[in-house]
Protein backbone atom coordinates (compact mmCIF):
# COMPACT_ATOMS: atom_id res chain seq x y z
CA MET A 1 21.15 20.29 35.71
CA PHE A 2 18.23 22.37 34.45
CA LYS A 3 16.38 24.64 36.88
CA LYS A 4 13.18 25.50 35.00
CA VAL A 5 11.54 23.14 32.51
CA LEU A 6 8.36 23.29 30.43
CA ILE A 7 6.63 20.04 29.45
CA ASN A 8 4.31 20.24 26.42
CA ASP A 9 2.06 17.20 25.94
CA ASP A 10 -1.70 16.68 25.69
CA HIS A 11 -1.82 13.45 27.74
CA ASP A 12 -2.21 13.81 31.50
CA ALA A 13 -0.43 10.53 32.19
CA ILE A 14 2.61 11.57 30.14
CA LEU A 15 2.73 14.95 31.83
CA ALA A 16 2.64 13.27 35.23
CA ASN A 17 5.33 10.78 34.26
CA ILE A 18 7.72 13.43 32.95
CA THR A 19 7.04 15.63 35.98
CA GLU A 20 8.03 12.74 38.26
CA THR A 21 11.18 12.15 36.21
CA LEU A 22 12.19 15.80 36.46
CA ALA A 23 11.49 15.88 40.19
CA GLU A 24 13.81 12.91 40.66
CA LEU A 25 16.48 14.89 38.80
CA LYS A 26 16.00 17.74 41.29
CA VAL A 27 14.59 20.23 38.79
CA ASP A 28 13.38 23.22 40.83
CA ALA A 29 10.57 24.57 38.64
CA ILE A 30 8.36 22.47 36.38
CA GLU A 31 5.50 23.88 34.30
CA LYS A 32 3.10 22.18 31.90
CA SER A 33 1.14 22.99 28.77
CA GLN A 34 -1.22 20.86 26.71
CA HIS A 35 -1.10 22.59 23.34
CA CYS A 36 1.58 24.37 21.39
CA ASP A 37 0.14 27.88 21.43
CA GLU A 38 0.03 27.69 25.23
CA ALA A 39 3.63 26.48 25.35
CA PHE A 40 4.81 29.32 23.12
CA LEU A 41 3.01 31.93 25.22
CA LYS A 42 4.46 30.51 28.46
CA ILE A 43 7.98 30.67 27.04
CA LYS A 44 7.47 34.21 25.74
CA ARG A 45 6.00 35.39 29.05
CA ALA A 46 8.80 33.78 31.05
CA SER A 47 11.36 35.56 28.89
CA PHE A 48 9.51 38.88 29.29
CA ASP A 49 9.52 38.41 33.06
CA GLY A 50 13.23 37.57 33.06
CA VAL A 51 12.73 34.02 34.33
CA ASP A 52 13.39 32.02 31.16
CA PHE A 53 12.85 28.31 30.80
CA ASP A 54 16.11 26.46 30.24
CA LEU A 55 14.56 23.32 28.70
CA LEU A 56 11.48 22.40 26.67
CA ILE A 57 10.28 18.79 26.42
CA THR A 58 7.58 18.48 23.76
CA ASP A 59 5.57 15.92 21.85
CA LEU A 60 5.08 16.34 18.10
CA SER A 61 1.43 15.29 17.73
CA PHE A 62 -1.50 17.06 19.38
CA LYS A 63 -5.20 16.28 18.96
CA PRO A 64 -7.31 19.28 17.94
CA ASP A 65 -10.04 20.45 20.31
CA HIS A 66 -12.48 23.35 20.57
CA ARG A 67 -9.73 25.96 20.68
CA THR A 68 -8.59 27.99 17.68
CA ILE A 69 -4.87 27.33 17.33
CA ASN A 70 -2.00 28.73 15.30
CA LEU A 71 0.63 26.11 16.12
CA GLU A 72 -0.84 22.71 15.30
CA SER A 73 2.14 20.49 16.06
CA GLY A 74 5.30 20.26 18.09
CA GLU A 75 7.24 20.83 14.91
CA ASP A 76 5.36 24.11 14.34
CA LEU A 77 6.22 25.12 17.89
CA ILE A 78 9.89 24.27 17.49
CA GLU A 79 10.14 26.20 14.23
CA LYS A 80 8.49 29.24 15.84
CA LEU A 81 10.73 29.06 18.90
CA ARG A 82 13.92 28.76 16.90
CA GLY A 83 13.21 32.21 15.48
CA ASP A 84 12.96 33.83 18.91
CA PHE A 85 14.89 31.44 21.15
CA PRO A 86 17.57 29.80 19.00
CA LYS A 87 19.56 28.56 22.00
CA LEU A 88 16.68 27.10 24.04
CA PRO A 89 17.43 23.39 24.62
CA ILE A 90 14.61 21.26 23.18
CA ILE A 91 13.99 17.53 23.63
CA VAL A 92 11.30 15.86 21.52
CA TYR A 93 9.43 13.01 23.25
CA SER A 94 7.28 11.34 20.62
CA MET A 95 5.71 8.11 19.36
CA LYS A 96 7.03 8.91 15.88
CA ASP A 97 10.08 6.83 15.00
CA GLN A 98 10.71 7.93 11.42
CA ILE A 99 14.41 8.45 10.93
CA GLN A 100 13.91 11.08 8.25
CA LYS A 101 11.77 13.13 10.63
CA VAL A 102 14.39 12.87 13.39
CA ARG A 103 17.18 13.88 11.04
CA PHE A 104 15.15 16.82 9.75
CA LEU A 105 14.48 18.12 13.26
CA ILE A 106 18.15 17.84 14.18
CA LYS A 107 19.46 19.33 10.96
CA LYS A 108 16.96 22.14 10.38
CA HIS A 109 15.76 23.01 13.89
CA ASN A 110 18.82 22.04 15.93
CA ILE A 111 16.91 20.04 18.55
CA ASN A 112 19.02 18.71 21.40
CA GLY A 113 17.41 15.33 21.91
CA TYR A 114 14.88 12.92 20.42
CA VAL A 115 13.34 10.24 22.64
CA CYS A 116 10.85 7.64 21.43
CA LYS A 117 7.87 6.91 23.66
CA ASP A 118 8.07 3.17 24.20
CA ARG A 119 8.84 0.66 26.96
CA LYS A 120 12.17 2.29 27.77
CA GLY A 121 11.08 5.83 27.01
CA SER A 122 11.22 7.08 30.60
CA LEU A 123 14.75 5.76 31.11
CA GLU A 124 15.90 7.20 27.79
CA LEU A 125 14.34 10.54 28.67
CA VAL A 126 16.53 10.69 31.77
CA ASP A 127 19.57 9.99 29.61
CA ALA A 128 18.47 12.67 27.15
CA ILE A 129 17.98 15.29 29.87
CA VAL A 130 21.38 14.55 31.40
CA ALA A 131 23.11 14.57 28.00
CA THR A 132 21.41 17.81 26.98
CA SER A 133 22.45 19.47 30.25
CA LYS A 134 26.04 18.65 29.28
CA GLY A 135 25.64 20.09 25.78
CA GLN A 136 25.46 16.66 24.15
CA LEU A 137 22.99 15.43 21.52
CA TYR A 138 20.87 12.42 22.51
CA VAL A 139 18.86 10.21 20.16
CA SER A 140 16.99 7.03 21.10
CA PRO A 141 18.76 3.86 19.90
CA GLN A 142 15.91 2.86 17.58
CA VAL A 143 16.31 6.04 15.53
CA ASN A 144 20.05 6.63 15.87
CA LYS A 145 20.47 5.86 12.17
CA ALA A 146 19.31 9.46 11.74
CA LEU A 147 22.87 10.45 12.64
CA SER A 148 24.46 8.14 10.10
CA PRO A 149 25.91 9.61 6.88
CA LYS A 150 24.18 6.78 5.02
CA THR A 151 20.83 8.47 5.66
CA GLN A 152 21.88 11.86 4.32
CA LEU A 153 19.24 11.65 1.61
CA GLU A 154 17.15 14.75 1.02
CA ILE A 155 13.46 13.97 0.57
CA ASP A 156 10.43 16.11 1.35
CA ASP A 157 6.87 15.58 2.62
CA PHE A 158 5.63 14.94 -0.92
CA ASP A 159 8.12 12.09 -1.31
CA ILE A 160 7.04 10.59 2.01
CA ALA A 161 3.36 10.83 1.03
CA LEU A 162 4.18 9.12 -2.26
CA LEU A 163 6.19 6.35 -0.60
CA ASN A 164 3.51 5.73 2.02
CA ARG A 165 0.90 5.19 -0.68
CA LEU A 166 3.20 2.87 -2.58
CA ALA A 167 3.69 0.89 0.63
CA LYS A 168 -0.11 0.49 0.84
CA GLY A 169 -0.14 -1.09 -2.62
CA LEU A 170 -1.54 1.82 -4.64
CA SER A 171 -0.57 2.06 -8.30
CA GLN A 172 0.82 5.27 -9.77
CA GLU A 173 -2.56 5.99 -11.36
CA GLU A 174 -4.32 5.46 -8.02
CA ILE A 175 -1.82 7.69 -6.26
CA SER A 176 -2.44 10.44 -8.82
CA CYS A 177 -6.20 10.24 -8.20
CA ASP A 178 -5.70 10.13 -4.44
CA PHE A 179 -3.48 13.21 -4.53
CA LYS A 180 -6.07 15.09 -6.60
CA THR A 181 -8.85 14.08 -4.19
CA ASN A 182 -6.83 15.24 -1.18
CA GLY A 183 -5.52 18.43 -2.77
CA ILE A 184 -1.88 17.30 -2.83
CA SER A 185 0.22 18.91 -5.55
CA PRO A 186 1.80 18.14 -7.91
CA ASN A 187 -0.53 15.27 -8.75
CA SER A 188 -0.15 14.50 -12.44
CA LEU A 189 0.81 10.97 -13.41
CA SER A 190 3.88 12.20 -15.29
CA THR A 191 5.13 14.09 -12.23
CA ILE A 192 4.65 11.04 -10.02
CA GLU A 193 6.54 8.86 -12.51
CA LYS A 194 9.43 11.36 -12.63
CA ARG A 195 9.57 11.60 -8.82
CA LEU A 196 9.63 7.81 -8.49
CA ASN A 197 12.46 7.56 -11.00
CA LYS A 198 14.38 10.15 -8.96
CA LEU A 199 13.76 8.28 -5.70
CA ARG A 200 14.78 4.93 -7.22
CA SER A 201 18.03 6.50 -8.38
CA GLN A 202 18.59 8.29 -5.09
CA PHE A 203 18.08 5.15 -2.99
CA LYS A 204 19.70 2.87 -5.60
CA ALA A 205 16.53 0.75 -5.78
CA ASN A 206 16.01 -1.77 -8.56
CA ASN A 207 12.23 -1.26 -8.68
CA VAL A 208 9.32 0.20 -6.72
CA ILE A 209 9.07 -2.79 -4.36
CA HIS A 210 12.78 -2.51 -3.61
CA LEU A 211 12.37 1.24 -3.06
CA VAL A 212 9.62 0.70 -0.47
CA ALA A 213 11.72 -1.94 1.29
CA ILE A 214 14.78 0.33 1.46
CA THR A 215 12.88 3.33 2.76
CA LYS A 216 11.16 1.19 5.40
CA ASP A 217 14.52 -0.15 6.55
CA LEU A 218 15.86 3.39 6.83
CA GLY A 219 12.81 4.51 8.79
CA VAL A 220 11.78 7.05 6.17
CA ILE A 221 8.25 5.55 6.15
């Protein structure tokens, strides 16, 4: 079992709950941080002092406050850590249940576990910690499709933004205007039409409505 664990979450109740879980698992040293820059500095300092953390449990979403920050999200933190600490076990504990996001974190950043914060989140977190300590990958049941070959479909943040707007009922013209207003590029109508044609082909969708339905079923949006 792990000896020294860092919990990174900006909710006091979550921090307390995870701390209690780790104490029940007989973890010797438990430290906390409430934003990603703080977590990164704690991990760097521990390494410098020769007392490394052997597990990070982090959320993905953090509310901004008065502090100037460099790492805005748990994903930013994970990406930064993988450059300096490629073998540090990392478990994500998040409300996000998008399969594409889970698959991306596993594939690109080699996370060791992904647990969804829900009614059974605490129990699943125990399972994830135990599995990770044994070198096994753990993913919550509701997002385990992320490990299925059927979801090996490469899409990026632009595609997800496009699909989310389609799901809200926006037309292609409205999406183009919305992208321009929000500084999202590319935003021309022709580019959006081409990307939708690509996505329909990729997901074998008959039309836009079918495309939205498929991507919702897969947890992409």
